[in-house]
Each structure stands twice: as structure tokens, then as C-alpha cells.
Amino acid sequence: MDIDNTNIAVTGGYRYENGTVFVGNWNNMGLRHGLGHLQFPDNTRYDGYFEDGLFNGLGVLTFVDGAKYEGEFLEGWFHGHGIFWRSDGMKHEGEFRGGKIWGLGI
């Protein structure tokens, strides 16, 4: 998945009113774009690529309960090849579409 870095206007950080923090790249429309780190108030965090403000490309989404998804995102959803670990240790590796397991996996 190829990320268009030509639209990056600035690199920096921002703390939103709800306590969410973003550090990374922004496009000229003020949206998260390119590589970045987003941490929510509940300590859920995303590290990876953004496009027009949404998770897009390769990334890792780590939840507070210990669950984690590592793989491809499209328009904010788990989409493409990835690995999802549940908090109880169960793991699924395979294809995801629109945030859901798609087809067979291991």
C-alpha cells in the first residue's frame, strides 16, 4: 500500500479537548496525513499511517485490555492482511474487510 507523502504540510503535535493526543504529519487541510501516533484518553493507541485524517496503510492499534491489531487499514477500518490478538491470547492471522475477519485464516 503506497502512501502519498506529497500532501504533508507540517509535522507536529496536538492535544484535543477530550485528551486525545496526536503527534505526526498533517496535510494542508489540517488533517492527519502520513506517519503518526494517536493516543486516546483511555490509552488506546494507534501507530502508523493516516490519510485524510483516517487510519490508512500499515499500522498497529493497541487496546487497553491488551488486544492488538497489526496490519493494513483502509479508511479507518482493519482492511487487508493483518493479525489480531485478543486480550485472552487467541490470535487470528488473515484477511480483514471493513473491520471484520474475511475468509479463512490461521
C-alpha atoms as a PDB file:
ATOM      1  CA  MET A   1       0.000   0.000   0.000  1.00  0.00           C
ATOM      2  CA  ASP A   2       1.523   3.272  -1.110  1.00  0.00           C
ATOM      3  CA  ILE A   3       1.061   6.415   0.985  1.00  0.00           C
ATOM      4  CA  ASP A   4       1.118   9.792  -0.764  1.00  0.00           C
ATOM      5  CA  ASN A   5       3.568  11.901   1.239  1.00  0.00           C
ATOM      6  CA  THR A   6       3.445  14.844  -1.185  1.00  0.00           C
ATOM      7  CA  ASN A   7       0.478  16.330   0.706  1.00  0.00           C
ATOM      8  CA  ILE A   8       2.313  16.645   4.039  1.00  0.00           C
ATOM      9  CA  ALA A   9       2.284  20.289   5.064  1.00  0.00           C
ATOM     10  CA  VAL A  10       3.599  20.199   8.626  1.00  0.00           C
ATOM     11  CA  THR A  11       4.842  17.845  11.317  1.00  0.00           C
ATOM     12  CA  GLY A  12       3.908  18.411  14.949  1.00  0.00           C
ATOM     13  CA  GLY A  13       1.675  17.516  17.838  1.00  0.00           C
ATOM     14  CA  TYR A  14      -1.753  18.469  19.067  1.00  0.00           C
ATOM     15  CA  ARG A  15      -3.777  17.746  22.217  1.00  0.00           C
ATOM     16  CA  TYR A  16      -7.541  17.703  21.596  1.00  0.00           C
ATOM     17  CA  GLU A  17     -10.037  18.965  24.186  1.00  0.00           C
ATOM     18  CA  ASN A  18     -11.054  15.392  25.086  1.00  0.00           C
ATOM     19  CA  GLY A  19      -7.432  14.487  25.941  1.00  0.00           C
ATOM     20  CA  THR A  20      -6.589  12.653  22.698  1.00  0.00           C
ATOM     21  CA  VAL A  21      -3.020  13.399  21.573  1.00  0.00           C
ATOM     22  CA  PHE A  22      -1.662  13.212  18.026  1.00  0.00           C
ATOM     23  CA  VAL A  23       1.990  13.540  17.050  1.00  0.00           C
ATOM     24  CA  GLY A  24       2.889  13.233  13.394  1.00  0.00           C
ATOM     25  CA  ASN A  25       2.236  14.682   9.969  1.00  0.00           C
ATOM     26  CA  TRP A  26      -0.641  16.904   8.811  1.00  0.00           C
ATOM     27  CA  ASN A  27      -1.831  17.736   5.301  1.00  0.00           C
ATOM     28  CA  ASN A  28      -2.607  21.242   4.045  1.00  0.00           C
ATOM     29  CA  MET A  29      -6.292  20.800   5.037  1.00  0.00           C
ATOM     30  CA  GLY A  30      -5.341  20.274   8.703  1.00  0.00           C
ATOM     31  CA  LEU A  31      -5.993  16.509   8.663  1.00  0.00           C
ATOM     32  CA  ARG A  32      -3.667  13.796   9.992  1.00  0.00           C
ATOM     33  CA  HIS A  33      -1.763  12.515   6.956  1.00  0.00           C
ATOM     34  CA  GLY A  34       1.335  10.320   6.698  1.00  0.00           C
ATOM     35  CA  LEU A  35       3.098   8.711   9.648  1.00  0.00           C
ATOM     36  CA  GLY A  36       1.801   9.459  13.136  1.00  0.00           C
ATOM     37  CA  HIS A  37       0.943   8.381  16.664  1.00  0.00           C
ATOM     38  CA  LEU A  38      -2.550   8.833  18.120  1.00  0.00           C
ATOM     39  CA  GLN A  39      -3.307   8.170  21.795  1.00  0.00           C
ATOM     40  CA  PHE A  40      -6.870   8.288  23.101  1.00  0.00           C
ATOM     41  CA  PRO A  41      -7.822   9.272  26.680  1.00  0.00           C
ATOM     42  CA  ASP A  42      -8.429   5.602  27.622  1.00  0.00           C
ATOM     43  CA  ASN A  43      -4.827   4.808  26.467  1.00  0.00           C
ATOM     44  CA  THR A  44      -5.899   3.002  23.289  1.00  0.00           C
ATOM     45  CA  ARG A  45      -3.205   3.929  20.789  1.00  0.00           C
ATOM     46  CA  TYR A  46      -2.554   3.794  17.068  1.00  0.00           C
ATOM     47  CA  ASP A  47       0.877   3.969  15.493  1.00  0.00           C
ATOM     48  CA  GLY A  48       1.063   4.022  11.720  1.00  0.00           C
ATOM     49  CA  TYR A  49      -0.091   5.771   8.606  1.00  0.00           C
ATOM     50  CA  PHE A  50      -3.010   8.161   8.103  1.00  0.00           C
ATOM     51  CA  GLU A  51      -4.671   9.514   5.008  1.00  0.00           C
ATOM     52  CA  ASP A  52      -7.033  12.484   5.225  1.00  0.00           C
ATOM     53  CA  GLY A  53      -7.423  12.001   8.990  1.00  0.00           C
ATOM     54  CA  LEU A  54      -8.160   8.245   8.984  1.00  0.00           C
ATOM     55  CA  PHE A  55      -6.031   5.160   9.709  1.00  0.00           C
ATOM     56  CA  ASN A  56      -4.835   4.134   6.245  1.00  0.00           C
ATOM     57  CA  GLY A  57      -1.926   1.881   5.293  1.00  0.00           C
ATOM     58  CA  LEU A  58       0.176  -0.122   7.733  1.00  0.00           C
ATOM     59  CA  GLY A  59      -0.385   0.380  11.424  1.00  0.00           C
ATOM     60  CA  VAL A  60      -0.768  -1.064  14.895  1.00  0.00           C
ATOM     61  CA  LEU A  61      -3.857  -0.446  17.036  1.00  0.00           C
ATOM     62  CA  THR A  62      -3.381  -1.414  20.695  1.00  0.00           C
ATOM     63  CA  PHE A  63      -6.372  -1.542  23.040  1.00  0.00           C
ATOM     64  CA  VAL A  64      -6.285  -1.005  26.810  1.00  0.00           C
ATOM     65  CA  ASP A  65      -7.387  -4.587  27.536  1.00  0.00           C
ATOM     66  CA  GLY A  66      -4.278  -5.922  25.760  1.00  0.00           C
ATOM     67  CA  ALA A  67      -5.947  -6.760  22.431  1.00  0.00           C
ATOM     68  CA  LYS A  68      -3.998  -5.632  19.378  1.00  0.00           C
ATOM     69  CA  TYR A  69      -4.349  -5.458  15.588  1.00  0.00           C
ATOM     70  CA  GLU A  70      -1.266  -5.189  13.416  1.00  0.00           C
ATOM     71  CA  GLY A  71      -1.622  -4.899   9.666  1.00  0.00           C
ATOM     72  CA  GLU A  72      -3.342  -2.969   6.914  1.00  0.00           C
ATOM     73  CA  PHE A  73      -6.021  -0.305   7.381  1.00  0.00           C
ATOM     74  CA  LEU A  74      -8.294   1.364   4.856  1.00  0.00           C
ATOM     75  CA  GLU A  75     -10.351   4.453   5.676  1.00  0.00           C
ATOM     76  CA  GLY A  76     -10.150   3.745   9.419  1.00  0.00           C
ATOM     77  CA  TRP A  77     -11.014   0.009   9.249  1.00  0.00           C
ATOM     78  CA  PHE A  78      -8.965  -3.189   9.612  1.00  0.00           C
ATOM     79  CA  HIS A  79      -8.763  -3.948   5.894  1.00  0.00           C
ATOM     80  CA  GLY A  80      -6.266  -6.193   4.116  1.00  0.00           C
ATOM     81  CA  HIS A  81      -3.811  -8.613   5.668  1.00  0.00           C
ATOM     82  CA  GLY A  82      -3.394  -8.422   9.425  1.00  0.00           C
ATOM     83  CA  ILE A  83      -3.033 -10.172  12.741  1.00  0.00           C
ATOM     84  CA  PHE A  84      -5.478  -9.653  15.591  1.00  0.00           C
ATOM     85  CA  TRP A  85      -4.616 -10.777  19.110  1.00  0.00           C
ATOM     86  CA  ARG A  86      -7.456 -10.874  21.611  1.00  0.00           C
ATOM     87  CA  SER A  87      -6.756  -9.981  25.224  1.00  0.00           C
ATOM     88  CA  ASP A  88      -7.056 -13.674  26.180  1.00  0.00           C
ATOM     89  CA  GLY A  89      -4.199 -14.584  23.811  1.00  0.00           C
ATOM     90  CA  MET A  90      -6.273 -16.022  20.947  1.00  0.00           C
ATOM     91  CA  LYS A  91      -4.842 -14.916  17.592  1.00  0.00           C
ATOM     92  CA  HIS A  92      -6.232 -14.653  14.052  1.00  0.00           C
ATOM     93  CA  GLU A  93      -3.983 -14.027  11.078  1.00  0.00           C
ATOM     94  CA  GLY A  94      -5.534 -13.494   7.673  1.00  0.00           C
ATOM     95  CA  GLU A  95      -7.654 -11.098   5.649  1.00  0.00           C
ATOM     96  CA  PHE A  96      -9.909  -8.417   7.076  1.00  0.00           C
ATOM     97  CA  ARG A  97     -12.538  -6.352   5.266  1.00  0.00           C
ATOM     98  CA  GLY A  98     -14.371  -3.399   6.761  1.00  0.00           C
ATOM     99  CA  GLY A  99     -13.125  -4.212  10.264  1.00  0.00           C
ATOM    100  CA  LYS A 100     -14.194  -7.868  10.190  1.00  0.00           C
ATOM    101  CA  ILE A 101     -12.494 -11.200   9.541  1.00  0.00           C
ATOM    102  CA  TRP A 102     -12.851 -12.112   5.860  1.00  0.00           C
ATOM    103  CA  GLY A 103     -12.492 -15.717   4.744  1.00  0.00           C
ATOM    104  CA  LEU A 104     -10.113 -18.235   6.199  1.00  0.00           C
ATOM    105  CA  GLY A 105      -7.111 -17.510   8.350  1.00  0.00           C
ATOM    106  CA  ILE A 106      -4.848 -19.114  10.889  1.00  0.00           C
END
